[in-house]
Amino acid sequence: LNSGKDNQGKIAVLDVGLDFQQLGMPLDQAQFLDTQKFGITEVAKV
């Protein structure tokens, strides 16, 4: 009922007694990007 491109953007309706909890990525994506940029800068500098 809720996955797939046909259901993208639709409002999910939960049955009584169900609770949906969204899980985020445990590591901040911004930290990944900053780490990658730092790595590029260090190699380029050398």
All heavy atoms as atom14 arrays in JSON, in Angstrom:
{
  "sequence": "LNSGKDNQGKIAVLDVGLDFQQLGMPLDQAQFLDTQKFGITEVAKV",
  "atom14_mask": [
    [1, 1, 1, 1, 1, 1, 1, 1, 0, 0, 0, 0, 0, 0],
    [1, 1, 1, 1, 1, 1, 1, 1, 0, 0, 0, 0, 0, 0],
    [1, 1, 1, 1, 1, 1, 0, 0, 0, 0, 0, 0, 0, 0],
    [1, 1, 1, 1, 0, 0, 0, 0, 0, 0, 0, 0, 0, 0],
    [1, 1, 1, 1, 1, 1, 1, 1, 1, 0, 0, 0, 0, 0],
    [1, 1, 1, 1, 1, 1, 1, 1, 0, 0, 0, 0, 0, 0],
    [1, 1, 1, 1, 1, 1, 1, 1, 0, 0, 0, 0, 0, 0],
    [1, 1, 1, 1, 1, 1, 1, 1, 1, 0, 0, 0, 0, 0],
    [1, 1, 1, 1, 0, 0, 0, 0, 0, 0, 0, 0, 0, 0],
    [1, 1, 1, 1, 1, 1, 1, 1, 1, 0, 0, 0, 0, 0],
    [1, 1, 1, 1, 1, 1, 1, 1, 0, 0, 0, 0, 0, 0],
    [1, 1, 1, 1, 1, 0, 0, 0, 0, 0, 0, 0, 0, 0],
    [1, 1, 1, 1, 1, 1, 1, 0, 0, 0, 0, 0, 0, 0],
    [1, 1, 1, 1, 1, 1, 1, 1, 0, 0, 0, 0, 0, 0],
    [1, 1, 1, 1, 1, 1, 1, 1, 0, 0, 0, 0, 0, 0],
    [1, 1, 1, 1, 1, 1, 1, 0, 0, 0, 0, 0, 0, 0],
    [1, 1, 1, 1, 0, 0, 0, 0, 0, 0, 0, 0, 0, 0],
    [1, 1, 1, 1, 1, 1, 1, 1, 0, 0, 0, 0, 0, 0],
    [1, 1, 1, 1, 1, 1, 1, 1, 0, 0, 0, 0, 0, 0],
    [1, 1, 1, 1, 1, 1, 1, 1, 1, 1, 1, 0, 0, 0],
    [1, 1, 1, 1, 1, 1, 1, 1, 1, 0, 0, 0, 0, 0],
    [1, 1, 1, 1, 1, 1, 1, 1, 1, 0, 0, 0, 0, 0],
    [1, 1, 1, 1, 1, 1, 1, 1, 0, 0, 0, 0, 0, 0],
    [1, 1, 1, 1, 0, 0, 0, 0, 0, 0, 0, 0, 0, 0],
    [1, 1, 1, 1, 1, 1, 1, 1, 0, 0, 0, 0, 0, 0],
    [1, 1, 1, 1, 1, 1, 1, 0, 0, 0, 0, 0, 0, 0],
    [1, 1, 1, 1, 1, 1, 1, 1, 0, 0, 0, 0, 0, 0],
    [1, 1, 1, 1, 1, 1, 1, 1, 0, 0, 0, 0, 0, 0],
    [1, 1, 1, 1, 1, 1, 1, 1, 1, 0, 0, 0, 0, 0],
    [1, 1, 1, 1, 1, 0, 0, 0, 0, 0, 0, 0, 0, 0],
    [1, 1, 1, 1, 1, 1, 1, 1, 1, 0, 0, 0, 0, 0],
    [1, 1, 1, 1, 1, 1, 1, 1, 1, 1, 1, 0, 0, 0],
    [1, 1, 1, 1, 1, 1, 1, 1, 0, 0, 0, 0, 0, 0],
    [1, 1, 1, 1, 1, 1, 1, 1, 0, 0, 0, 0, 0, 0],
    [1, 1, 1, 1, 1, 1, 1, 0, 0, 0, 0, 0, 0, 0],
    [1, 1, 1, 1, 1, 1, 1, 1, 1, 0, 0, 0, 0, 0],
    [1, 1, 1, 1, 1, 1, 1, 1, 1, 0, 0, 0, 0, 0],
    [1, 1, 1, 1, 1, 1, 1, 1, 1, 1, 1, 0, 0, 0],
    [1, 1, 1, 1, 0, 0, 0, 0, 0, 0, 0, 0, 0, 0],
    [1, 1, 1, 1, 1, 1, 1, 1, 0, 0, 0, 0, 0, 0],
    [1, 1, 1, 1, 1, 1, 1, 0, 0, 0, 0, 0, 0, 0],
    [1, 1, 1, 1, 1, 1, 1, 1, 1, 0, 0, 0, 0, 0],
    [1, 1, 1, 1, 1, 1, 1, 0, 0, 0, 0, 0, 0, 0],
    [1, 1, 1, 1, 1, 0, 0, 0, 0, 0, 0, 0, 0, 0],
    [1, 1, 1, 1, 1, 1, 1, 1, 1, 0, 0, 0, 0, 0],
    [1, 1, 1, 1, 1, 1, 1, 0, 0, 0, 0, 0, 0, 0]
  ],
  "atom14_positions": [
    [[0.8, -1.22, 0.0], [0.0, 0.0, 0.0], [0.84, 1.28, 0.0], [0.36, 2.33, -0.41], [-0.93, 0.01, 1.22], [-2.02, -1.07, 1.26], [-2.76, -1.01, 2.58], [-2.98, -0.93, 0.08], [0.0, 0.0, 0.0], [0.0, 0.0, 0.0], [0.0, 0.0, 0.0], [0.0, 0.0, 0.0], [0.0, 0.0, 0.0], [0.0, 0.0, 0.0]],
    [[2.09, 1.2, 0.44], [2.85, 2.44, 0.66], [4.18, 2.53, -0.07], [4.81, 3.58, -0.03], [3.11, 2.62, 2.16], [1.83, 2.74, 2.96], [1.17, 3.78, 2.95], [1.44, 1.68, 3.65], [0.0, 0.0, 0.0], [0.0, 0.0, 0.0], [0.0, 0.0, 0.0], [0.0, 0.0, 0.0], [0.0, 0.0, 0.0], [0.0, 0.0, 0.0]],
    [[4.66, 1.45, -0.69], [5.93, 1.51, -1.4], [5.7, 1.55, -2.9], [4.59, 1.29, -3.38], [6.81, 0.31, -1.03], [6.19, -0.9, -1.45], [0.0, 0.0, 0.0], [0.0, 0.0, 0.0], [0.0, 0.0, 0.0], [0.0, 0.0, 0.0], [0.0, 0.0, 0.0], [0.0, 0.0, 0.0], [0.0, 0.0, 0.0], [0.0, 0.0, 0.0]],
    [[6.77, 1.86, -3.64], [6.65, 1.94, -5.1], [6.35, 3.34, -5.57], [5.83, 4.17, -4.83], [0.0, 0.0, 0.0], [0.0, 0.0, 0.0], [0.0, 0.0, 0.0], [0.0, 0.0, 0.0], [0.0, 0.0, 0.0], [0.0, 0.0, 0.0], [0.0, 0.0, 0.0], [0.0, 0.0, 0.0], [0.0, 0.0, 0.0], [0.0, 0.0, 0.0]],
    [[6.67, 3.63, -6.83], [6.51, 4.99, -7.35], [5.06, 5.4, -7.48], [4.72, 6.59, -7.43], [7.22, 5.11, -8.71], [6.63, 4.23, -9.8], [7.38, 4.44, -11.11], [6.78, 3.59, -12.24], [7.5, 3.79, -13.52], [0.0, 0.0, 0.0], [0.0, 0.0, 0.0], [0.0, 0.0, 0.0], [0.0, 0.0, 0.0], [0.0, 0.0, 0.0]],
    [[4.13, 4.42, -7.61], [2.71, 4.76, -7.73], [2.16, 5.31, -6.42], [1.17, 6.06, -6.43], [1.91, 3.53, -8.15], [2.25, 3.07, -9.57], [2.72, 3.92, -10.35], [2.07, 1.88, -9.86], [0.0, 0.0, 0.0], [0.0, 0.0, 0.0], [0.0, 0.0, 0.0], [0.0, 0.0, 0.0], [0.0, 0.0, 0.0], [0.0, 0.0, 0.0]],
    [[2.78, 4.96, -5.31], [2.31, 5.42, -4.01], [3.15, 6.56, -3.45], [2.92, 7.0, -2.32], [2.31, 4.26, -3.01], [1.33, 3.17, -3.39], [0.2, 3.46, -3.77], [1.76, 1.91, -3.3], [0.0, 0.0, 0.0], [0.0, 0.0, 0.0], [0.0, 0.0, 0.0], [0.0, 0.0, 0.0], [0.0, 0.0, 0.0], [0.0, 0.0, 0.0]],
    [[4.13, 7.03, -4.26], [5.03, 8.07, -3.78], [4.26, 9.36, -3.52], [3.48, 9.82, -4.35], [6.13, 8.31, -4.81], [7.2, 9.27, -4.32], [8.33, 9.4, -5.33], [8.24, 8.85, -6.42], [9.37, 10.13, -4.97], [0.0, 0.0, 0.0], [0.0, 0.0, 0.0], [0.0, 0.0, 0.0], [0.0, 0.0, 0.0], [0.0, 0.0, 0.0]],
    [[4.44, 9.92, -2.34], [3.8, 11.18, -1.99], [2.41, 11.05, -1.4], [1.83, 12.04, -0.95], [0.0, 0.0, 0.0], [0.0, 0.0, 0.0], [0.0, 0.0, 0.0], [0.0, 0.0, 0.0], [0.0, 0.0, 0.0], [0.0, 0.0, 0.0], [0.0, 0.0, 0.0], [0.0, 0.0, 0.0], [0.0, 0.0, 0.0], [0.0, 0.0, 0.0]],
    [[1.86, 9.85, -1.41], [0.52, 9.65, -0.84], [0.58, 9.58, 0.68], [1.6, 9.24, 1.27], [-0.1, 8.37, -1.41], [-0.45, 8.45, -2.89], [-1.15, 7.17, -3.34], [-1.55, 7.26, -4.81], [-2.25, 6.03, -5.26], [0.0, 0.0, 0.0], [0.0, 0.0, 0.0], [0.0, 0.0, 0.0], [0.0, 0.0, 0.0], [0.0, 0.0, 0.0]],
    [[-0.54, 9.87, 1.3], [-0.62, 9.84, 2.76], [-0.9, 8.41, 3.2], [-1.83, 7.75, 2.72], [-1.73, 10.77, 3.26], [-1.41, 12.23, 2.85], [-1.87, 10.67, 4.78], [-2.51, 13.2, 3.21], [0.0, 0.0, 0.0], [0.0, 0.0, 0.0], [0.0, 0.0, 0.0], [0.0, 0.0, 0.0], [0.0, 0.0, 0.0], [0.0, 0.0, 0.0]],
    [[-0.1, 7.91, 4.13], [-0.29, 6.55, 4.64], [-1.36, 6.56, 5.73], [-1.39, 7.45, 6.59], [1.02, 6.02, 5.21], [0.0, 0.0, 0.0], [0.0, 0.0, 0.0], [0.0, 0.0, 0.0], [0.0, 0.0, 0.0], [0.0, 0.0, 0.0], [0.0, 0.0, 0.0], [0.0, 0.0, 0.0], [0.0, 0.0, 0.0], [0.0, 0.0, 0.0]],
    [[-2.23, 5.57, 5.67], [-3.28, 5.4, 6.67], [-2.95, 4.19, 7.51], [-2.77, 3.09, 6.99], [-4.67, 5.24, 6.01], [-5.75, 5.06, 7.07], [-4.99, 6.45, 5.13], [0.0, 0.0, 0.0], [0.0, 0.0, 0.0], [0.0, 0.0, 0.0], [0.0, 0.0, 0.0], [0.0, 0.0, 0.0], [0.0, 0.0, 0.0], [0.0, 0.0, 0.0]],
    [[-2.85, 4.39, 8.83], [-2.46, 3.32, 9.74], [-3.69, 2.72, 10.4], [-4.64, 3.43, 10.78], [-1.51, 3.86, 10.81], [-0.18, 4.46, 10.32], [0.61, 4.99, 11.51], [0.62, 3.45, 9.55], [0.0, 0.0, 0.0], [0.0, 0.0, 0.0], [0.0, 0.0, 0.0], [0.0, 0.0, 0.0], [0.0, 0.0, 0.0], [0.0, 0.0, 0.0]],
    [[-3.68, 1.41, 10.52], [-4.73, 0.73, 11.27], [-4.57, 1.03, 12.75], [-3.5, 1.46, 13.22], [-4.66, -0.78, 11.03], [-5.04, -1.15, 9.59], [-5.76, -0.36, 8.97], [-4.57, -2.21, 9.13], [0.0, 0.0, 0.0], [0.0, 0.0, 0.0], [0.0, 0.0, 0.0], [0.0, 0.0, 0.0], [0.0, 0.0, 0.0], [0.0, 0.0, 0.0]],
    [[-5.63, 0.78, 13.49], [-5.59, 0.98, 14.93], [-4.54, 0.05, 15.55], [-4.49, -1.14, 15.22], [-6.98, 0.71, 15.56], [-6.91, 0.86, 17.08], [-8.01, 1.66, 14.98], [0.0, 0.0, 0.0], [0.0, 0.0, 0.0], [0.0, 0.0, 0.0], [0.0, 0.0, 0.0], [0.0, 0.0, 0.0], [0.0, 0.0, 0.0], [0.0, 0.0, 0.0]],
    [[-3.71, 0.62, 16.39], [-2.69, -0.18, 17.05], [-1.35, -0.19, 16.33], [-0.38, -0.77, 16.83], [0.0, 0.0, 0.0], [0.0, 0.0, 0.0], [0.0, 0.0, 0.0], [0.0, 0.0, 0.0], [0.0, 0.0, 0.0], [0.0, 0.0, 0.0], [0.0, 0.0, 0.0], [0.0, 0.0, 0.0], [0.0, 0.0, 0.0], [0.0, 0.0, 0.0]],
    [[-1.25, 0.44, 15.12], [0.0, 0.49, 14.37], [0.63, 1.88, 14.49], [-0.07, 2.9, 14.47], [-0.22, 0.16, 12.89], [-0.58, -1.28, 12.55], [-0.78, -1.42, 11.04], [0.49, -2.25, 13.03], [0.0, 0.0, 0.0], [0.0, 0.0, 0.0], [0.0, 0.0, 0.0], [0.0, 0.0, 0.0], [0.0, 0.0, 0.0], [0.0, 0.0, 0.0]],
    [[1.91, 1.9, 14.59], [2.65, 3.16, 14.67], [3.91, 3.03, 13.82], [4.73, 2.12, 14.03], [3.02, 3.46, 16.12], [3.8, 4.77, 16.24], [3.6, 5.65, 15.38], [4.62, 4.89, 17.18], [0.0, 0.0, 0.0], [0.0, 0.0, 0.0], [0.0, 0.0, 0.0], [0.0, 0.0, 0.0], [0.0, 0.0, 0.0], [0.0, 0.0, 0.0]],
    [[4.08, 3.94, 12.83], [5.25, 3.89, 11.93], [6.29, 4.89, 12.41], [5.99, 6.05, 12.68], [4.85, 4.22, 10.49], [6.02, 4.25, 9.54], [6.59, 3.07, 9.1], [6.55, 5.45, 9.1], [7.67, 3.09, 8.23], [7.63, 5.48, 8.24], [8.18, 4.29, 7.8], [0.0, 0.0, 0.0], [0.0, 0.0, 0.0], [0.0, 0.0, 0.0]],
    [[7.52, 4.43, 12.5], [8.63, 5.28, 12.93], [9.7, 5.3, 11.85], [10.26, 4.26, 11.5], [9.21, 4.77, 14.25], [10.35, 5.64, 14.77], [10.88, 5.15, 16.1], [10.2, 4.39, 16.8], [12.08, 5.57, 16.45], [0.0, 0.0, 0.0], [0.0, 0.0, 0.0], [0.0, 0.0, 0.0], [0.0, 0.0, 0.0], [0.0, 0.0, 0.0]],
    [[9.97, 6.48, 11.3], [10.99, 6.65, 10.26], [12.39, 6.52, 10.88], [12.67, 7.09, 11.93], [10.86, 8.02, 9.59], [11.87, 8.27, 8.48], [11.52, 7.53, 7.21], [10.34, 7.4, 6.87], [12.53, 7.06, 6.5], [0.0, 0.0, 0.0], [0.0, 0.0, 0.0], [0.0, 0.0, 0.0], [0.0, 0.0, 0.0], [0.0, 0.0, 0.0]],
    [[13.26, 5.75, 10.21], [14.63, 5.6, 10.66], [15.55, 6.46, 9.8], [15.51, 6.38, 8.57], [15.08, 4.14, 10.58], [14.42, 3.17, 11.56], [15.0, 1.78, 11.35], [14.61, 3.62, 12.99], [0.0, 0.0, 0.0], [0.0, 0.0, 0.0], [0.0, 0.0, 0.0], [0.0, 0.0, 0.0], [0.0, 0.0, 0.0], [0.0, 0.0, 0.0]],
    [[16.37, 7.29, 10.42], [17.34, 8.09, 9.69], [18.68, 7.39, 9.63], [18.92, 6.4, 10.33], [0.0, 0.0, 0.0], [0.0, 0.0, 0.0], [0.0, 0.0, 0.0], [0.0, 0.0, 0.0], [0.0, 0.0, 0.0], [0.0, 0.0, 0.0], [0.0, 0.0, 0.0], [0.0, 0.0, 0.0], [0.0, 0.0, 0.0], [0.0, 0.0, 0.0]],
    [[19.55, 7.93, 8.81], [20.89, 7.35, 8.71], [21.65, 7.64, 10.0], [21.63, 8.77, 10.49], [21.63, 7.97, 7.52], [22.93, 7.28, 7.21], [23.65, 7.9, 5.68], [25.1, 6.85, 5.56], [0.0, 0.0, 0.0], [0.0, 0.0, 0.0], [0.0, 0.0, 0.0], [0.0, 0.0, 0.0], [0.0, 0.0, 0.0], [0.0, 0.0, 0.0]],
    [[22.29, 6.66, 10.6], [22.95, 6.88, 11.87], [24.09, 7.88, 11.82], [24.46, 8.46, 12.81], [23.48, 5.48, 12.25], [23.58, 4.75, 10.95], [22.45, 5.28, 10.11], [0.0, 0.0, 0.0], [0.0, 0.0, 0.0], [0.0, 0.0, 0.0], [0.0, 0.0, 0.0], [0.0, 0.0, 0.0], [0.0, 0.0, 0.0], [0.0, 0.0, 0.0]],
    [[24.67, 8.08, 10.63], [25.74, 9.05, 10.49], [25.27, 10.2, 9.62], [24.63, 9.99, 8.59], [26.99, 8.4, 9.88], [27.63, 7.31, 10.72], [28.81, 6.7, 9.97], [28.1, 7.86, 12.05], [0.0, 0.0, 0.0], [0.0, 0.0, 0.0], [0.0, 0.0, 0.0], [0.0, 0.0, 0.0], [0.0, 0.0, 0.0], [0.0, 0.0, 0.0]],
    [[25.59, 11.4, 10.04], [25.16, 12.59, 9.33], [25.8, 12.63, 7.95], [27.02, 12.52, 7.8], [25.55, 13.82, 10.13], [24.95, 15.1, 9.56], [24.29, 15.01, 8.51], [25.15, 16.17, 10.16], [0.0, 0.0, 0.0], [0.0, 0.0, 0.0], [0.0, 0.0, 0.0], [0.0, 0.0, 0.0], [0.0, 0.0, 0.0], [0.0, 0.0, 0.0]],
    [[24.97, 12.8, 6.9], [25.51, 12.85, 5.54], [26.44, 14.03, 5.36], [27.41, 13.97, 4.6], [24.36, 12.93, 4.53], [23.53, 11.66, 4.45], [22.45, 11.75, 3.39], [22.27, 12.79, 2.77], [21.75, 10.65, 3.18], [0.0, 0.0, 0.0], [0.0, 0.0, 0.0], [0.0, 0.0, 0.0], [0.0, 0.0, 0.0], [0.0, 0.0, 0.0]],
    [[26.15, 15.14, 6.06], [27.03, 16.31, 5.95], [28.43, 15.99, 6.44], [29.42, 16.47, 5.91], [26.44, 17.47, 6.74], [0.0, 0.0, 0.0], [0.0, 0.0, 0.0], [0.0, 0.0, 0.0], [0.0, 0.0, 0.0], [0.0, 0.0, 0.0], [0.0, 0.0, 0.0], [0.0, 0.0, 0.0], [0.0, 0.0, 0.0], [0.0, 0.0, 0.0]],
    [[28.51, 15.15, 7.48], [29.83, 14.77, 7.98], [30.59, 13.95, 6.95], [31.8, 14.09, 6.8], [29.67, 13.98, 9.28], [29.15, 14.81, 10.45], [28.99, 14.0, 11.71], [29.12, 12.77, 11.68], [28.71, 14.66, 12.81], [0.0, 0.0, 0.0], [0.0, 0.0, 0.0], [0.0, 0.0, 0.0], [0.0, 0.0, 0.0], [0.0, 0.0, 0.0]],
    [[29.88, 13.08, 6.24], [30.52, 12.32, 5.17], [31.09, 13.25, 4.11], [32.22, 13.09, 3.65], [29.5, 11.37, 4.52], [29.37, 10.06, 5.25], [28.13, 9.65, 5.73], [30.45, 9.24, 5.45], [28.0, 8.46, 6.4], [30.33, 8.04, 6.12], [29.1, 7.64, 6.6], [0.0, 0.0, 0.0], [0.0, 0.0, 0.0], [0.0, 0.0, 0.0]],
    [[30.29, 14.24, 3.7], [30.73, 15.17, 2.67], [31.92, 15.98, 3.14], [32.88, 16.19, 2.38], [29.58, 16.1, 2.27], [28.39, 15.43, 1.59], [27.29, 16.45, 1.32], [28.81, 14.78, 0.28], [0.0, 0.0, 0.0], [0.0, 0.0, 0.0], [0.0, 0.0, 0.0], [0.0, 0.0, 0.0], [0.0, 0.0, 0.0], [0.0, 0.0, 0.0]],
    [[31.88, 16.46, 4.37], [33.01, 17.23, 4.9], [34.27, 16.38, 4.97], [35.38, 16.86, 4.67], [32.67, 17.77, 6.3], [31.61, 18.86, 6.26], [31.41, 19.44, 5.17], [30.98, 19.11, 7.3], [0.0, 0.0, 0.0], [0.0, 0.0, 0.0], [0.0, 0.0, 0.0], [0.0, 0.0, 0.0], [0.0, 0.0, 0.0], [0.0, 0.0, 0.0]],
    [[34.12, 15.13, 5.37], [35.27, 14.23, 5.45], [35.86, 13.98, 4.06], [37.09, 13.97, 3.88], [34.88, 12.89, 6.09], [34.33, 13.13, 7.39], [36.08, 11.98, 6.22], [0.0, 0.0, 0.0], [0.0, 0.0, 0.0], [0.0, 0.0, 0.0], [0.0, 0.0, 0.0], [0.0, 0.0, 0.0], [0.0, 0.0, 0.0], [0.0, 0.0, 0.0]],
    [[34.98, 13.8, 3.07], [35.45, 13.57, 1.71], [36.15, 14.81, 1.16], [37.19, 14.7, 0.5], [34.27, 13.17, 0.81], [33.73, 11.78, 1.1], [32.53, 11.45, 0.24], [31.81, 12.33, -0.22], [32.3, 10.17, 0.01], [0.0, 0.0, 0.0], [0.0, 0.0, 0.0], [0.0, 0.0, 0.0], [0.0, 0.0, 0.0], [0.0, 0.0, 0.0]],
    [[35.6, 15.99, 1.43], [36.23, 17.23, 0.97], [37.6, 17.41, 1.6], [38.55, 17.83, 0.94], [35.34, 18.42, 1.3], [34.07, 18.51, 0.45], [33.25, 19.73, 0.85], [31.98, 19.82, -0.01], [31.16, 20.99, 0.38], [0.0, 0.0, 0.0], [0.0, 0.0, 0.0], [0.0, 0.0, 0.0], [0.0, 0.0, 0.0], [0.0, 0.0, 0.0]],
    [[37.69, 17.1, 2.88], [38.98, 17.21, 3.56], [40.0, 16.26, 2.94], [41.17, 16.62, 2.75], [38.81, 16.89, 5.05], [40.09, 16.92, 5.82], [40.69, 18.12, 6.17], [40.72, 15.73, 6.19], [41.89, 18.14, 6.87], [41.91, 15.74, 6.9], [42.49, 16.95, 7.24], [0.0, 0.0, 0.0], [0.0, 0.0, 0.0], [0.0, 0.0, 0.0]],
    [[39.55, 15.04, 2.61], [40.45, 14.08, 1.98], [40.94, 14.55, 0.63], [42.13, 14.41, 0.29], [0.0, 0.0, 0.0], [0.0, 0.0, 0.0], [0.0, 0.0, 0.0], [0.0, 0.0, 0.0], [0.0, 0.0, 0.0], [0.0, 0.0, 0.0], [0.0, 0.0, 0.0], [0.0, 0.0, 0.0], [0.0, 0.0, 0.0], [0.0, 0.0, 0.0]],
    [[40.04, 15.14, -0.15], [40.43, 15.68, -1.46], [41.46, 16.79, -1.3], [42.47, 16.84, -2.0], [39.19, 16.2, -2.22], [38.27, 15.05, -2.59], [39.6, 16.98, -3.47], [36.95, 15.49, -3.2], [0.0, 0.0, 0.0], [0.0, 0.0, 0.0], [0.0, 0.0, 0.0], [0.0, 0.0, 0.0], [0.0, 0.0, 0.0], [0.0, 0.0, 0.0]],
    [[41.19, 17.69, -0.34], [42.1, 18.82, -0.13], [43.49, 18.36, 0.29], [44.51, 18.89, -0.17], [41.52, 19.77, 0.94], [40.23, 20.21, 0.52], [42.42, 20.97, 1.14], [0.0, 0.0, 0.0], [0.0, 0.0, 0.0], [0.0, 0.0, 0.0], [0.0, 0.0, 0.0], [0.0, 0.0, 0.0], [0.0, 0.0, 0.0], [0.0, 0.0, 0.0]],
    [[43.55, 17.36, 1.18], [44.84, 16.88, 1.67], [45.66, 16.25, 0.54], [46.86, 16.52, 0.41], [44.62, 15.86, 2.79], [44.16, 16.46, 4.1], [45.19, 17.41, 4.68], [46.26, 16.93, 5.1], [44.93, 18.62, 4.69], [0.0, 0.0, 0.0], [0.0, 0.0, 0.0], [0.0, 0.0, 0.0], [0.0, 0.0, 0.0], [0.0, 0.0, 0.0]],
    [[45.04, 15.42, -0.27], [45.76, 14.77, -1.37], [46.17, 15.8, -2.41], [47.3, 15.79, -2.91], [44.89, 13.67, -2.01], [45.61, 13.06, -3.21], [44.57, 12.58, -0.99], [0.0, 0.0, 0.0], [0.0, 0.0, 0.0], [0.0, 0.0, 0.0], [0.0, 0.0, 0.0], [0.0, 0.0, 0.0], [0.0, 0.0, 0.0], [0.0, 0.0, 0.0]],
    [[45.25, 16.72, -2.75], [45.57, 17.76, -3.73], [46.72, 18.63, -3.25], [47.58, 19.04, -4.05], [44.34, 18.62, -4.0], [0.0, 0.0, 0.0], [0.0, 0.0, 0.0], [0.0, 0.0, 0.0], [0.0, 0.0, 0.0], [0.0, 0.0, 0.0], [0.0, 0.0, 0.0], [0.0, 0.0, 0.0], [0.0, 0.0, 0.0], [0.0, 0.0, 0.0]],
    [[46.78, 18.89, -1.94], [47.85, 19.73, -1.39], [49.21, 19.07, -1.56], [50.19, 19.73, -1.94], [47.56, 19.99, 0.09], [48.62, 20.81, 0.8], [48.2, 21.1, 2.24], [48.12, 19.85, 3.07], [47.79, 20.13, 4.48], [0.0, 0.0, 0.0], [0.0, 0.0, 0.0], [0.0, 0.0, 0.0], [0.0, 0.0, 0.0], [0.0, 0.0, 0.0]],
    [[49.28, 17.78, -1.3], [50.56, 17.08, -1.39], [51.02, 16.97, -2.84], [52.22, 17.12, -3.13], [50.44, 15.68, -0.75], [51.67, 14.85, -1.04], [50.24, 15.81, 0.75], [0.0, 0.0, 0.0], [0.0, 0.0, 0.0], [0.0, 0.0, 0.0], [0.0, 0.0, 0.0], [0.0, 0.0, 0.0], [0.0, 0.0, 0.0], [0.0, 0.0, 0.0]]
  ]
}
